Amino acid sequence: MYRLAAIARSFALPFGLHGLAALLSCYFVWQGLNGHRGLKAGEEYQQQLDKLRYERNLFKMQRLQWERRIALIRGETIDSDILDEEARAQLDRAHKHDVVILTPRASRTP
């Protein structure tokens, strides 16, 4: 009986330790792939960063366009076409010889 217990202990202890080590390794590998700071989270952060950079570039382009338009109105000389266009847009008016193309308005969310 003692001999059988000694043999069982000699097999159970190494298998138990190796099994525990395997479980710990699996846990850390899973966390490395799927955890908060894992590879998949890094890819998601990179995609979000790319999206935000794209939006930033769009805003920069819009800002440059507005700066160009404002530069035409500001200063000693005023571009009459831009001034006329802005006045008509603000007043929602059109000249009788203008061609008006109606497009759906973009929804503005505050």
Protein backbone atom coordinates (compact mmCIF):
# COMPACT_ATOMS: atom_id res chain seq x y z
CA MET A 1 0.00 0.00 0.00
CA TYR A 2 2.78 2.41 0.92
CA ARG A 3 4.58 1.54 -2.30
CA LEU A 4 1.48 2.30 -4.38
CA ALA A 5 1.00 5.68 -2.66
CA ALA A 6 4.65 6.57 -3.24
CA ILE A 7 4.37 5.71 -6.94
CA ALA A 8 1.13 7.70 -7.28
CA ARG A 9 2.71 10.66 -5.51
CA SER A 10 5.79 10.47 -7.74
CA PHE A 11 3.54 10.77 -10.83
CA ALA A 12 0.90 13.13 -9.44
CA LEU A 13 3.31 15.79 -8.18
CA PRO A 14 5.13 16.35 -11.51
CA PHE A 15 1.88 16.15 -13.52
CA GLY A 16 0.17 18.54 -11.16
CA LEU A 17 3.02 21.05 -11.31
CA HIS A 18 3.26 20.78 -15.08
CA GLY A 19 -0.51 21.14 -15.39
CA LEU A 20 -0.44 24.25 -13.17
CA ALA A 21 2.39 25.70 -15.24
CA ALA A 22 0.43 24.97 -18.43
CA LEU A 23 -2.67 26.68 -17.04
CA LEU A 24 -0.67 29.75 -16.02
CA SER A 25 1.00 29.87 -19.44
CA CYS A 26 -2.36 29.62 -21.19
CA TYR A 27 -3.73 32.43 -19.02
CA PHE A 28 -0.85 34.76 -19.82
CA VAL A 29 -0.95 33.94 -23.54
CA TRP A 30 -4.71 34.60 -23.63
CA GLN A 31 -4.24 37.90 -21.79
CA GLY A 32 -1.45 38.84 -24.18
CA LEU A 33 -3.79 38.36 -27.13
CA ASN A 34 -7.21 39.40 -25.81
CA GLY A 35 -6.60 41.44 -22.65
CA HIS A 36 -6.90 45.20 -22.15
CA ARG A 37 -3.32 45.70 -23.31
CA GLY A 38 -3.15 42.75 -25.68
CA LEU A 39 -2.49 42.56 -29.40
CA LYS A 40 -6.16 42.89 -30.40
CA ALA A 41 -6.57 45.96 -28.19
CA GLY A 42 -3.49 47.46 -29.82
CA GLU A 43 -5.01 46.93 -33.27
CA GLU A 44 -8.28 48.54 -32.13
CA TYR A 45 -6.37 51.52 -30.72
CA GLN A 46 -4.46 51.85 -33.99
CA GLN A 47 -7.70 51.82 -36.01
CA GLN A 48 -9.20 54.44 -33.72
CA LEU A 49 -6.05 56.54 -34.01
CA ASP A 50 -6.16 56.31 -37.83
CA LYS A 51 -9.81 57.38 -37.81
CA LEU A 52 -9.05 60.37 -35.57
CA ARG A 53 -6.09 61.38 -37.75
CA TYR A 54 -8.34 61.23 -40.82
CA GLU A 55 -10.92 63.46 -39.11
CA ARG A 56 -8.17 65.85 -38.03
CA ASN A 57 -6.95 66.13 -41.62
CA LEU A 58 -10.51 66.84 -42.79
CA PHE A 59 -10.85 69.59 -40.21
CA LYS A 60 -7.51 71.07 -41.27
CA MET A 61 -8.65 71.13 -44.89
CA GLN A 62 -11.93 72.79 -43.91
CA ARG A 63 -10.06 75.34 -41.85
CA LEU A 64 -7.76 76.16 -44.78
CA GLN A 65 -10.75 76.59 -47.06
CA TRP A 66 -12.42 78.94 -44.59
CA GLU A 67 -9.21 80.89 -44.08
CA ARG A 68 -8.91 81.38 -47.84
CA ARG A 69 -12.51 82.56 -48.09
CA ILE A 70 -12.14 84.90 -45.13
CA ALA A 71 -8.91 86.29 -46.58
CA LEU A 72 -10.87 87.25 -49.70
CA ILE A 73 -13.40 89.20 -47.62
CA ARG A 74 -11.02 90.65 -45.04
CA GLY A 75 -8.61 93.44 -45.76
CA GLU A 76 -8.57 96.51 -47.93
CA THR A 77 -9.94 94.78 -51.02
CA ILE A 78 -13.06 92.68 -50.81
CA ASP A 79 -13.83 90.09 -53.47
CA SER A 80 -17.30 91.08 -54.62
CA ASP A 81 -18.24 87.55 -55.75
CA ILE A 82 -17.51 86.06 -52.34
CA LEU A 83 -19.30 88.92 -50.58
CA ASP A 84 -22.33 88.53 -52.85
CA GLU A 85 -22.36 84.76 -52.35
CA GLU A 86 -22.18 85.06 -48.57
CA ALA A 87 -24.87 87.75 -48.45
CA ARG A 88 -27.23 85.61 -50.52
CA ALA A 89 -26.51 82.56 -48.41
CA GLN A 90 -27.20 84.46 -45.18
CA LEU A 91 -30.42 86.01 -46.51
CA ASP A 92 -31.58 82.84 -48.31
CA ARG A 93 -32.07 84.83 -51.49
CA ALA A 94 -31.15 84.25 -55.11
CA HIS A 95 -30.78 86.53 -58.10
CA LYS A 96 -33.36 86.11 -60.85
CA HIS A 97 -30.67 84.91 -63.28
CA ASP A 98 -29.06 82.42 -60.87
CA VAL A 99 -29.41 78.69 -61.41
CA VAL A 100 -30.41 77.15 -58.09
CA ILE A 101 -29.66 73.52 -57.37
CA LEU A 102 -31.37 72.26 -54.23
CA THR A 103 -29.50 69.66 -52.23
CA PRO A 104 -30.51 68.02 -48.95
CA ARG A 105 -29.08 69.78 -45.93
CA ALA A 106 -26.58 67.99 -43.80
CA SER A 107 -27.96 67.19 -40.36
CA ARG A 108 -26.25 69.26 -37.72
CA THR A 109 -25.98 67.73 -34.30
CA PRO A 110 -24.94 69.99 -31.43
